[in-house]
Protein backbone atom coordinates (compact mmCIF):
# COMPACT_ATOMS: atom_id res chain seq x y z
CA UNK A 1 -23.82 -12.59 8.17
CA UNK A 2 -22.76 -10.09 10.82
CA UNK A 3 -19.33 -8.52 10.48
CA UNK A 4 -16.91 -6.81 12.87
CA UNK A 5 -16.26 -3.40 11.33
CA UNK A 6 -13.58 -0.91 12.37
CA UNK A 7 -14.45 2.73 11.73
CA UNK A 8 -11.46 5.10 11.46
CA UNK A 9 -12.80 8.65 11.49
CA UNK A 10 -11.62 11.87 13.13
CA UNK A 11 -14.96 13.70 12.92
CA UNK A 12 -16.96 13.04 16.09
CA UNK A 13 -20.43 12.82 14.50
CA UNK A 14 -19.64 10.46 11.62
CA UNK A 15 -18.68 7.35 13.64
CA UNK A 16 -21.81 7.68 15.75
CA UNK A 17 -24.06 7.70 12.68
CA UNK A 18 -22.18 4.82 11.04
CA UNK A 19 -22.30 2.81 14.28
CA UNK A 20 -26.04 3.38 14.60
CA UNK A 21 -26.69 2.20 11.04
CA UNK A 22 -24.32 -0.78 11.15
CA UNK A 23 -25.62 -1.92 14.55
CA UNK A 24 -29.17 -1.79 13.17
CA UNK A 25 -28.12 -4.43 10.61
CA UNK A 26 -26.52 -6.66 13.25
CA UNK A 27 -22.86 -5.73 12.79
CA UNK A 28 -20.38 -5.06 15.58
CA UNK A 29 -18.44 -1.81 15.34
CA UNK A 30 -15.09 -0.71 16.69
CA UNK A 31 -14.00 2.94 16.53
CA UNK A 32 -10.72 4.84 16.39
CA UNK A 33 -10.12 8.57 15.96
CA UNK A 34 -6.55 8.45 14.59
CA UNK A 35 -4.67 6.32 12.09
CA UNK A 36 -2.11 4.87 14.48
CA UNK A 37 -4.81 4.04 17.02
CA UNK A 38 -6.79 2.36 14.25
CA UNK A 39 -3.84 0.23 13.16
CA UNK A 40 -3.24 -0.93 16.73
CA UNK A 41 -6.93 -1.74 17.16
CA UNK A 42 -7.01 -3.60 13.84
CA UNK A 43 -4.01 -5.72 14.82
CA UNK A 44 -5.52 -6.52 18.21
CA UNK A 45 -9.16 -7.10 17.18
CA UNK A 46 -8.79 -8.40 13.59
CA UNK A 47 -11.97 -6.84 12.10
CA UNK A 48 -13.64 -8.17 8.96
CA UNK A 49 -13.83 -4.73 7.36
CA UNK A 50 -12.21 -1.32 7.91
CA UNK A 51 -13.94 1.93 6.92
CA UNK A 52 -11.31 4.65 6.87
CA UNK A 53 -11.42 8.42 6.48
CA UNK A 54 -8.70 9.46 4.04
CA UNK A 55 -8.07 12.93 5.48
CA UNK A 56 -6.96 12.40 9.05
CA UNK A 57 -4.17 14.27 10.83
CA UNK A 58 -0.81 12.60 11.49
CA UNK A 59 -1.36 9.24 9.76
CA UNK A 60 -3.85 9.71 6.92
CA UNK A 61 -6.12 7.06 5.43
CA UNK A 62 -3.83 6.41 2.46
CA UNK A 63 -0.94 5.56 4.78
CA UNK A 64 -3.24 3.44 6.97
CA UNK A 65 -4.41 1.46 3.91
CA UNK A 66 -0.81 1.03 2.73
CA UNK A 67 0.27 -0.28 6.15
CA UNK A 68 -2.70 -2.65 6.37
CA UNK A 69 -1.87 -4.17 2.97
CA UNK A 70 1.77 -4.68 3.98
CA UNK A 71 0.88 -6.28 7.34
CA UNK A 72 0.71 -10.07 7.07
CA UNK A 73 -1.67 -10.23 10.07
CA UNK A 74 -4.16 -7.92 8.31
CA UNK A 75 -3.81 -9.04 4.70
CA UNK A 76 -7.24 -10.72 4.72
CA UNK A 77 -9.10 -7.63 6.00
CA UNK A 78 -11.34 -5.89 3.45
């Protein structure tokens, strides 16, 4: 079953490689470079899964994960 996967990563090369691999297996990818941008995209697009870098500037991956778990709209996202 194909999934919609949000990739939150501030390194330019990593999302491209992950997108290539996930697309090869039939998944749809969304990308964001910063935590706040990723949260907004997650709320708008409602992905099935979020892959998140933990060490991002401004809003790090731990804070992103905490906010996702507290958001009723996103509580079913893996």
